[in-house]
């Protein structure tokens, strides 16, 4: 998933995320719902975070 995020960042696709998901409250709701949807999601988010990414509904590269 981190590789896909990186490819999307390089191609500029991540810059277009706000065109589809504008509402911060909706993004927070989706992120919190994902964590409760399946136990694996929390682990995936942890691994994504270890690789320098944040979010679930809207991915962003963390500053080093």
N, C-alpha and C. Protein backbone atom coordinates (compact mmCIF):
# COMPACT_ATOMS: atom_id res chain seq x y z
N UNK A 1 0.83 -1.18 0.00
CA UNK A 1 0.00 0.00 0.00
C UNK A 1 0.88 1.25 0.00
N UNK A 2 1.97 1.19 0.72
CA UNK A 2 2.88 2.34 0.75
C UNK A 2 3.44 2.62 -0.64
N UNK A 3 3.75 1.56 -1.38
CA UNK A 3 4.26 1.75 -2.75
C UNK A 3 3.20 2.39 -3.63
N UNK A 4 1.96 1.97 -3.49
CA UNK A 4 0.88 2.58 -4.27
C UNK A 4 0.70 4.05 -3.91
N UNK A 5 0.79 4.34 -2.62
CA UNK A 5 0.68 5.73 -2.18
C UNK A 5 1.81 6.57 -2.78
N UNK A 6 3.01 6.02 -2.79
CA UNK A 6 4.15 6.75 -3.33
C UNK A 6 3.98 7.00 -4.83
N UNK A 7 3.52 5.99 -5.56
CA UNK A 7 3.27 6.17 -6.99
C UNK A 7 2.20 7.23 -7.22
N UNK A 8 1.16 7.21 -6.41
CA UNK A 8 0.09 8.20 -6.53
C UNK A 8 0.61 9.60 -6.21
N UNK A 9 1.49 9.70 -5.21
CA UNK A 9 2.06 11.00 -4.86
C UNK A 9 2.91 11.54 -6.00
N UNK A 10 3.77 10.69 -6.55
CA UNK A 10 4.66 11.10 -7.64
C UNK A 10 3.87 11.53 -8.87
N UNK A 11 2.80 10.81 -9.17
CA UNK A 11 2.01 11.13 -10.36
C UNK A 11 1.07 12.32 -10.16
N UNK A 12 0.94 12.78 -8.91
CA UNK A 12 0.07 13.91 -8.63
C UNK A 12 -1.35 13.53 -8.27
N UNK A 13 -1.63 12.23 -8.22
CA UNK A 13 -2.99 11.79 -7.91
C UNK A 13 -3.39 12.14 -6.48
N UNK A 14 -2.46 12.11 -5.54
CA UNK A 14 -2.82 12.46 -4.16
C UNK A 14 -3.19 13.93 -4.04
N UNK A 15 -2.68 14.75 -4.92
CA UNK A 15 -3.02 16.17 -4.90
C UNK A 15 -4.48 16.40 -5.24
N UNK A 16 -5.12 15.41 -5.83
CA UNK A 16 -6.51 15.55 -6.26
C UNK A 16 -7.50 14.95 -5.27
N UNK A 17 -7.03 14.45 -4.14
CA UNK A 17 -7.92 13.83 -3.16
C UNK A 17 -9.03 14.75 -2.70
N UNK A 18 -8.72 16.01 -2.53
CA UNK A 18 -9.71 16.96 -2.01
C UNK A 18 -10.84 17.21 -3.00
N UNK A 19 -10.65 16.88 -4.25
CA UNK A 19 -11.72 17.03 -5.23
C UNK A 19 -12.86 16.06 -4.94
N UNK A 20 -12.53 14.95 -4.30
CA UNK A 20 -13.54 13.93 -4.02
C UNK A 20 -14.01 13.93 -2.57
N UNK A 21 -13.15 14.25 -1.64
CA UNK A 21 -13.49 14.23 -0.22
C UNK A 21 -13.13 15.56 0.41
N UNK A 22 -14.07 16.47 0.38
CA UNK A 22 -13.79 17.82 0.87
C UNK A 22 -14.03 18.00 2.36
N UNK A 23 -14.92 17.25 2.93
CA UNK A 23 -15.39 17.48 4.29
C UNK A 23 -14.51 16.77 5.31
N UNK A 24 -13.84 17.55 6.15
CA UNK A 24 -12.95 16.98 7.18
C UNK A 24 -13.70 16.08 8.15
N UNK A 25 -14.93 16.45 8.51
CA UNK A 25 -15.72 15.64 9.43
C UNK A 25 -16.00 14.27 8.83
N UNK A 26 -16.30 14.23 7.54
CA UNK A 26 -16.55 12.96 6.86
C UNK A 26 -15.28 12.10 6.86
N UNK A 27 -14.15 12.71 6.62
CA UNK A 27 -12.88 11.98 6.61
C UNK A 27 -12.59 11.39 7.98
N UNK A 28 -12.79 12.18 9.04
CA UNK A 28 -12.58 11.66 10.40
C UNK A 28 -13.53 10.49 10.69
N UNK A 29 -14.79 10.62 10.25
CA UNK A 29 -15.77 9.55 10.46
C UNK A 29 -15.34 8.28 9.74
N UNK A 30 -14.92 8.40 8.50
CA UNK A 30 -14.50 7.23 7.73
C UNK A 30 -13.26 6.59 8.35
N UNK A 31 -12.30 7.39 8.78
CA UNK A 31 -11.09 6.85 9.40
C UNK A 31 -11.44 6.10 10.68
N UNK A 32 -12.28 6.67 11.52
CA UNK A 32 -12.62 6.01 12.78
C UNK A 32 -13.48 4.77 12.53
N UNK A 33 -14.33 4.79 11.51
CA UNK A 33 -15.15 3.62 11.17
C UNK A 33 -14.27 2.49 10.65
N UNK A 34 -13.25 2.82 9.89
CA UNK A 34 -12.36 1.79 9.35
C UNK A 34 -11.68 1.02 10.47
N UNK A 35 -11.26 1.73 11.50
CA UNK A 35 -10.59 1.07 12.62
C UNK A 35 -11.50 0.06 13.31
N UNK A 36 -12.79 0.37 13.36
CA UNK A 36 -13.74 -0.54 14.02
C UNK A 36 -14.27 -1.62 13.07
N UNK A 37 -14.08 -1.44 11.77
CA UNK A 37 -14.66 -2.36 10.80
C UNK A 37 -14.00 -3.74 10.83
N UNK A 38 -12.71 -3.77 11.04
CA UNK A 38 -12.00 -5.05 11.05
C UNK A 38 -10.69 -4.87 11.80
N UNK A 39 -10.31 -5.85 12.62
CA UNK A 39 -9.08 -5.72 13.41
C UNK A 39 -7.82 -5.53 12.56
N UNK A 40 -7.81 -6.00 11.34
CA UNK A 40 -6.64 -5.88 10.49
C UNK A 40 -6.37 -4.42 10.10
N UNK A 41 -7.41 -3.62 10.05
CA UNK A 41 -7.25 -2.22 9.62
C UNK A 41 -6.30 -1.47 10.54
N UNK A 42 -6.43 -1.66 11.83
CA UNK A 42 -5.54 -0.98 12.78
C UNK A 42 -4.09 -1.35 12.51
N UNK A 43 -3.85 -2.62 12.24
CA UNK A 43 -2.47 -3.06 11.95
C UNK A 43 -1.98 -2.47 10.63
N UNK A 44 -2.83 -2.44 9.61
CA UNK A 44 -2.45 -1.82 8.34
C UNK A 44 -2.10 -0.35 8.53
N UNK A 45 -2.91 0.35 9.30
CA UNK A 45 -2.64 1.77 9.55
C UNK A 45 -1.30 1.94 10.28
N UNK A 46 -1.01 1.03 11.19
CA UNK A 46 0.27 1.08 11.90
C UNK A 46 1.43 0.88 10.93
N UNK A 47 1.33 -0.10 10.06
CA UNK A 47 2.39 -0.37 9.09
C UNK A 47 2.55 0.80 8.11
N UNK A 48 1.44 1.36 7.66
CA UNK A 48 1.49 2.51 6.77
C UNK A 48 2.19 3.67 7.46
N UNK A 49 1.88 3.87 8.75
CA UNK A 49 2.52 4.93 9.52
C UNK A 49 4.01 4.73 9.66
N UNK A 50 4.44 3.48 9.84
CA UNK A 50 5.86 3.17 9.94
C UNK A 50 6.60 3.51 8.64
N UNK A 51 5.87 3.51 7.56
CA UNK A 51 6.47 3.79 6.25
C UNK A 51 6.30 5.25 5.84
N UNK A 52 5.83 6.07 6.80
CA UNK A 52 5.82 7.51 6.56
C UNK A 52 4.53 8.10 6.05
N UNK A 53 3.41 7.38 6.19
CA UNK A 53 2.14 7.88 5.69
C UNK A 53 1.15 8.06 6.83
N UNK A 54 0.22 8.97 6.65
CA UNK A 54 -0.86 9.16 7.61
C UNK A 54 -2.19 9.03 6.87
N UNK A 55 -3.23 8.79 7.65
CA UNK A 55 -4.57 8.75 7.10
C UNK A 55 -5.00 7.38 6.61
N UNK A 56 -6.26 7.30 6.27
CA UNK A 56 -6.83 6.10 5.71
C UNK A 56 -7.76 6.48 4.57
N UNK A 57 -8.57 7.49 4.81
CA UNK A 57 -9.47 7.99 3.77
C UNK A 57 -8.74 8.97 2.86
N UNK A 58 -7.87 9.78 3.46
CA UNK A 58 -7.03 10.72 2.71
C UNK A 58 -5.59 10.46 3.14
N UNK A 59 -4.81 9.89 2.25
CA UNK A 59 -3.41 9.60 2.55
C UNK A 59 -2.56 10.85 2.38
N UNK A 60 -1.61 11.01 3.29
CA UNK A 60 -0.66 12.13 3.19
C UNK A 60 0.71 11.63 3.62
N UNK A 61 1.72 12.12 2.96
CA UNK A 61 3.11 11.78 3.31
C UNK A 61 3.49 12.61 4.52
N UNK A 62 3.99 11.94 5.56
CA UNK A 62 4.46 12.65 6.76
C UNK A 62 5.80 13.27 6.51
N UNK A 63 6.04 14.37 7.13
CA UNK A 63 7.37 14.99 7.06
C UNK A 63 8.35 14.14 7.85
N UNK A 64 9.56 13.94 7.32
CA UNK A 64 10.55 13.09 8.03
C UNK A 64 11.00 13.70 9.34
